[in-house]
Protein backbone atom coordinates (compact mmCIF):
# COMPACT_ATOMS: atom_id res chain seq x y z
CA MET A 1 0.01 0.01 0.01
CA TYR A 2 1.33 3.42 -0.94
CA ASN A 3 1.15 6.44 1.35
CA LYS A 4 -1.19 9.38 0.87
CA ARG A 5 1.35 11.56 -0.95
CA TYR A 6 1.91 8.94 -3.66
CA GLU A 7 -1.79 8.26 -4.01
CA PHE A 8 -2.47 11.95 -4.29
CA LEU A 9 0.23 12.42 -6.94
CA ALA A 10 -0.98 9.40 -8.92
CA GLU A 11 -4.55 10.81 -9.04
CA VAL A 12 -3.22 14.19 -10.14
CA ILE A 13 -1.13 12.69 -12.91
CA GLY A 14 -3.79 10.24 -14.13
CA SER A 15 -6.41 12.99 -14.22
CA MET A 16 -4.10 15.37 -15.98
CA ILE A 17 -3.36 12.79 -18.68
CA ILE A 18 -7.09 12.33 -19.27
CA ALA A 19 -7.54 16.05 -19.56
CA LEU A 20 -4.57 16.53 -21.95
CA PHE A 21 -5.83 13.96 -24.46
CA GLY A 22 -9.55 14.51 -23.91
CA LEU A 23 -9.60 18.29 -23.98
CA GLY A 24 -6.82 18.29 -26.58
CA VAL A 25 -8.91 16.43 -29.10
CA VAL A 26 -11.87 18.71 -28.51
CA ALA A 27 -9.63 21.70 -29.07
CA SER A 28 -8.32 20.10 -32.26
CA VAL A 29 -11.82 19.52 -33.61
CA VAL A 30 -13.36 22.83 -32.52
CA LEU A 31 -10.47 25.23 -33.20
CA GLY A 32 -8.82 23.43 -36.08
CA ASN A 33 -11.81 21.78 -37.63
CA ASN A 34 -9.67 18.67 -37.51
CA GLY A 35 -11.91 15.64 -37.22
CA THR A 36 -15.46 14.81 -36.17
CA ALA A 37 -17.32 13.49 -33.15
CA ILE A 38 -15.89 9.97 -33.54
CA ASN A 39 -12.40 11.41 -33.06
CA ILE A 40 -13.56 12.84 -29.74
CA HIS A 41 -15.14 9.63 -28.55
CA ILE A 42 -12.14 7.46 -29.41
CA SER A 43 -9.62 9.90 -27.94
CA TRP A 44 -11.58 10.26 -24.69
CA GLY A 45 -11.65 6.51 -24.32
CA LEU A 46 -7.92 6.27 -24.98
CA ALA A 47 -7.32 9.21 -22.58
CA VAL A 48 -8.99 7.28 -19.79
CA THR A 49 -7.10 4.10 -20.72
CA PHE A 50 -3.69 5.79 -20.48
CA GLY A 51 -4.71 7.72 -17.35
CA ILE A 52 -5.42 4.39 -15.68
CA TYR A 53 -2.22 2.82 -16.90
CA ALA A 54 -0.28 5.74 -15.48
CA SER A 55 -1.81 5.67 -12.02
CA GLY A 56 -3.64 2.42 -11.42
CA LYS A 57 -0.94 0.54 -9.52
CA ILE A 58 -0.53 3.34 -6.98
CA SER A 59 -3.97 4.86 -6.37
CA GLY A 60 -6.32 2.42 -8.09
CA ALA A 61 -6.90 5.12 -10.75
CA HIS A 62 -10.26 6.43 -9.67
CA LEU A 63 -9.68 9.68 -11.59
CA ASN A 64 -13.33 10.57 -11.08
CA PRO A 65 -15.15 11.78 -7.92
CA ALA A 66 -18.21 9.80 -8.94
CA VAL A 67 -16.14 6.60 -8.89
CA THR A 68 -14.46 7.49 -5.61
CA LEU A 69 -17.77 8.25 -3.90
CA ALA A 70 -19.48 5.13 -5.34
CA LEU A 71 -16.65 2.91 -4.13
CA ALA A 72 -16.76 4.49 -0.66
CA THR A 73 -20.54 4.25 -0.48
CA THR A 74 -20.40 0.51 -1.16
CA GLY A 75 -17.55 -0.16 1.26
CA ARG A 76 -14.83 -0.67 -1.34
CA PHE A 77 -12.87 2.44 -0.37
CA GLU A 78 -12.01 4.23 2.80
CA TRP A 79 -14.07 7.40 3.47
CA SER A 80 -11.02 9.05 5.05
CA LYS A 81 -9.28 9.05 1.65
CA VAL A 82 -12.20 10.46 -0.31
CA TRP A 83 -11.43 14.15 0.17
CA TYR A 84 -7.84 14.07 -1.01
CA TYR A 85 -8.64 11.83 -3.98
CA ILE A 86 -11.23 14.35 -5.13
CA VAL A 87 -8.89 17.31 -4.57
CA ALA A 88 -6.19 15.54 -6.57
CA GLN A 89 -8.59 14.81 -9.40
CA MET A 90 -9.64 18.43 -9.55
CA ILE A 91 -6.06 19.66 -9.57
CA GLY A 92 -5.11 17.21 -12.35
CA PHE A 93 -7.94 18.23 -14.61
CA PHE A 94 -7.29 21.93 -13.96
CA ILE A 95 -3.60 21.55 -14.87
CA GLY A 96 -4.52 19.58 -17.97
CA ALA A 97 -6.93 22.28 -19.08
CA ALA A 98 -4.27 24.96 -18.57
CA ILE A 99 -1.73 23.03 -20.62
CA VAL A 100 -4.19 22.48 -23.52
CA PHE A 101 -5.03 26.18 -23.49
CA ALA A 102 -1.29 27.03 -23.66
CA VAL A 103 -0.69 24.58 -26.54
CA TYR A 104 -3.60 25.90 -28.57
CA TYR A 105 -3.41 29.55 -27.56
CA GLY A 106 -2.09 30.77 -30.93
CA LYS A 107 -5.05 29.25 -32.76
CA TRP A 108 -7.46 30.17 -29.99
CA ILE A 109 -6.90 33.91 -30.31
CA GLU A 110 -7.31 33.58 -34.06
CA VAL A 111 -10.59 31.66 -33.92
CA ASP A 112 -12.18 33.19 -30.82
CA PRO A 113 -10.10 36.21 -29.68
CA THR A 114 -12.73 37.35 -27.18
CA PHE A 115 -13.28 33.89 -25.68
CA GLU A 116 -17.04 34.09 -26.19
CA THR A 117 -17.87 30.91 -28.09
CA THR A 118 -15.38 28.18 -27.23
CA ALA A 119 -15.80 27.44 -23.52
CA GLY A 120 -17.22 24.11 -24.68
CA VAL A 121 -13.71 22.95 -25.39
CA PHE A 122 -13.21 22.72 -21.61
CA SER A 123 -16.56 21.60 -20.31
CA THR A 124 -19.94 20.19 -21.32
CA PHE A 125 -23.10 22.00 -22.31
CA PRO A 126 -26.65 20.74 -22.83
CA ALA A 127 -28.22 20.01 -26.22
CA VAL A 128 -31.64 20.86 -24.70
CA SER A 129 -32.05 23.73 -22.25
CA GLY A 130 -33.12 23.09 -18.73
CA PHE A 131 -32.03 20.79 -15.93
CA LEU A 132 -33.98 17.60 -16.38
CA TYR A 133 -32.79 16.13 -19.68
CA GLY A 134 -29.12 16.68 -19.00
CA PHE A 135 -29.54 15.34 -15.50
CA ILE A 136 -31.13 12.11 -16.72
CA ASP A 137 -28.39 11.76 -19.33
CA GLN A 138 -25.61 12.13 -16.72
CA VAL A 139 -27.24 9.72 -14.26
CA VAL A 140 -27.69 7.09 -16.90
CA GLY A 141 -24.24 7.47 -18.42
CA THR A 142 -22.42 7.31 -15.08
CA PHE A 143 -24.66 4.47 -13.88
CA LEU A 144 -23.49 2.45 -16.88
CA LEU A 145 -19.85 3.44 -16.31
CA MET A 146 -19.83 2.38 -12.64
CA PHE A 147 -21.88 -0.77 -13.18
CA LEU A 148 -19.65 -1.98 -16.00
CA ILE A 149 -16.41 -1.08 -14.18
CA LEU A 150 -17.51 -3.35 -11.36
CA ALA A 151 -18.77 -6.07 -13.69
CA SER A 152 -15.61 -6.14 -15.77
CA GLY A 153 -13.35 -6.06 -12.71
CA ASP A 154 -15.18 -8.62 -10.52
CA ALA A 155 -12.98 -11.65 -9.97
CA ASN A 156 -16.14 -13.75 -9.68
CA ASN A 157 -17.44 -12.66 -13.00
CA THR A 158 -15.35 -12.68 -16.21
CA PRO A 159 -12.73 -10.04 -15.32
CA ALA A 160 -10.25 -8.65 -17.80
CA GLY A 161 -6.66 -9.51 -17.27
CA ALA A 162 -4.65 -7.04 -15.20
CA ASN A 163 -3.19 -5.42 -18.25
CA LEU A 164 -6.45 -5.28 -20.15
CA GLY A 165 -8.55 -3.60 -17.44
CA PRO A 166 -7.69 -0.04 -18.55
CA ILE A 167 -8.52 -0.88 -22.18
CA ILE A 168 -11.94 -2.25 -21.15
CA VAL A 169 -12.70 0.91 -19.19
CA GLY A 170 -11.63 3.03 -22.15
CA LEU A 171 -13.99 1.06 -24.41
CA ILE A 172 -16.79 1.67 -21.86
CA ILE A 173 -16.12 5.41 -22.23
CA VAL A 174 -16.20 5.16 -26.02
CA VAL A 175 -19.54 3.36 -26.12
CA ILE A 176 -21.10 5.72 -23.58
CA GLY A 177 -19.87 8.64 -25.71
CA THR A 178 -21.20 7.30 -28.98
CA SER A 179 -24.53 6.30 -27.41
CA PHE A 180 -25.19 9.10 -24.92
CA GLY A 181 -22.71 11.85 -25.72
CA TYR A 182 -25.20 14.08 -27.48
CA MET A 183 -27.45 15.29 -24.68
CA HIS A 184 -24.84 16.73 -22.33
CA GLY A 185 -21.38 15.82 -23.65
CA TYR A 186 -21.04 12.73 -21.39
CA ALA A 187 -18.96 14.37 -18.66
CA ILE A 188 -19.82 11.39 -16.37
CA ASN A 189 -17.11 12.79 -14.11
CA PRO A 190 -17.58 15.90 -11.90
CA ALA A 191 -13.86 16.73 -11.89
CA ARG A 192 -13.53 16.34 -15.62
CA ASP A 193 -16.21 19.01 -16.07
CA LEU A 194 -15.88 21.36 -13.12
CA ALA A 195 -12.11 21.76 -12.93
CA PRO A 196 -11.65 22.72 -16.62
CA ARG A 197 -14.75 24.93 -16.30
CA LEU A 198 -13.04 26.72 -13.35
CA PHE A 199 -9.99 27.17 -15.56
CA SER A 200 -12.14 28.67 -18.33
CA VAL A 201 -13.44 31.19 -15.80
CA VAL A 202 -9.92 32.06 -14.65
CA ALA A 203 -8.78 32.38 -18.27
CA GLY A 204 -11.64 34.85 -19.02
CA PHE A 205 -14.01 32.73 -21.13
CA LYS A 206 -17.52 34.03 -21.36
CA ASN A 207 -20.69 31.87 -21.45
CA ASN A 208 -18.84 29.38 -19.33
CA GLY A 209 -21.82 27.78 -17.53
CA LEU A 210 -20.51 28.80 -14.12
CA THR A 211 -20.38 32.61 -13.79
CA ASP A 212 -22.83 33.47 -16.56
CA GLY A 213 -25.92 32.76 -14.44
CA SER A 214 -26.95 29.68 -16.42
CA ASN A 215 -25.97 27.18 -13.68
CA ILE A 216 -25.10 24.62 -16.35
CA TRP A 217 -22.23 23.33 -14.20
CA ILE A 218 -24.65 21.77 -11.70
CA VAL A 219 -25.84 18.94 -13.94
CA PRO A 220 -22.42 17.34 -14.71
CA VAL A 221 -21.51 17.49 -11.05
CA ILE A 222 -24.66 16.19 -9.37
CA GLY A 223 -25.79 13.77 -12.10
CA PRO A 224 -22.61 11.70 -12.21
CA ILE A 225 -22.39 11.42 -8.43
CA ILE A 226 -25.94 10.05 -8.20
CA GLY A 227 -25.50 7.83 -11.26
CA GLY A 228 -22.22 6.41 -10.02
CA VAL A 229 -23.60 5.53 -6.53
CA LEU A 230 -26.71 4.01 -8.06
CA GLY A 231 -24.58 1.98 -10.48
CA ALA A 232 -22.45 0.51 -7.70
CA ILE A 233 -25.38 -0.25 -5.42
CA THR A 234 -27.33 -1.84 -8.27
CA TYR A 235 -24.40 -4.03 -9.16
CA ASP A 236 -24.11 -5.21 -5.56
CA ILE A 237 -27.74 -6.12 -5.23
CA THR A 238 -27.98 -7.88 -8.63
CA ILE A 239 -24.96 -9.46 -10.31
CA GLY A 240 -22.70 -9.06 -7.24
CA LYS A 241 -25.30 -10.64 -4.99
CA ILE A 242 -25.67 -13.64 -7.27
CA PHE A 243 -21.94 -14.28 -7.06
CA SER A 244 -21.89 -13.80 -3.27
CA LYS A 245 -24.34 -16.74 -2.88
CA LYS A 246 -22.23 -19.23 -4.87
């Protein structure tokens, strides 16, 4: 078992890697018109895969507050560690957003010099206005993420090999993105959405969903937490319960 400092660092680095590849591909598509939605879905899946490879041995590679809270709620993780895992995840995604902004800055000021229309590179926005539809989308997407993470990692089920686990989780992200990415950008991760959104505020982006009075930021924070916890509990009382009785 590694100490808190190493776990904290691993969560920062893993989260930053996800942000670099995930936000990087969105910047490429939006600012450079380089690719389509499928590029985004595949790159986000690979981003999560490599984030897990980078940090999994040390911290377990939660890289997502919804995952951390779901695991703690179902007794798989210590509550005393929850706060610093979430802080680390937020820091990692914030740093990743800052690096992507620096890399693409030259193109950014050419495409959107007043930072009025491209806050969506950093965070998610709804396809349909209002709270309900995006909330349902985030609950369902994160429910599937958490349920399938547990199903694919359960030693009593048909678990992926140790080296294949990150690839399986990446594929889960891809299929959630292609199936449910339209309604609210499939954040399915409060830190992935809120930390880059905070960076966009610091960098001076307008219409950012946080300081513009729209309160868009609430859905991709609350929805994934509820969906993740429901996904873990549902797994435990269905598939997990069946295995426990063998």
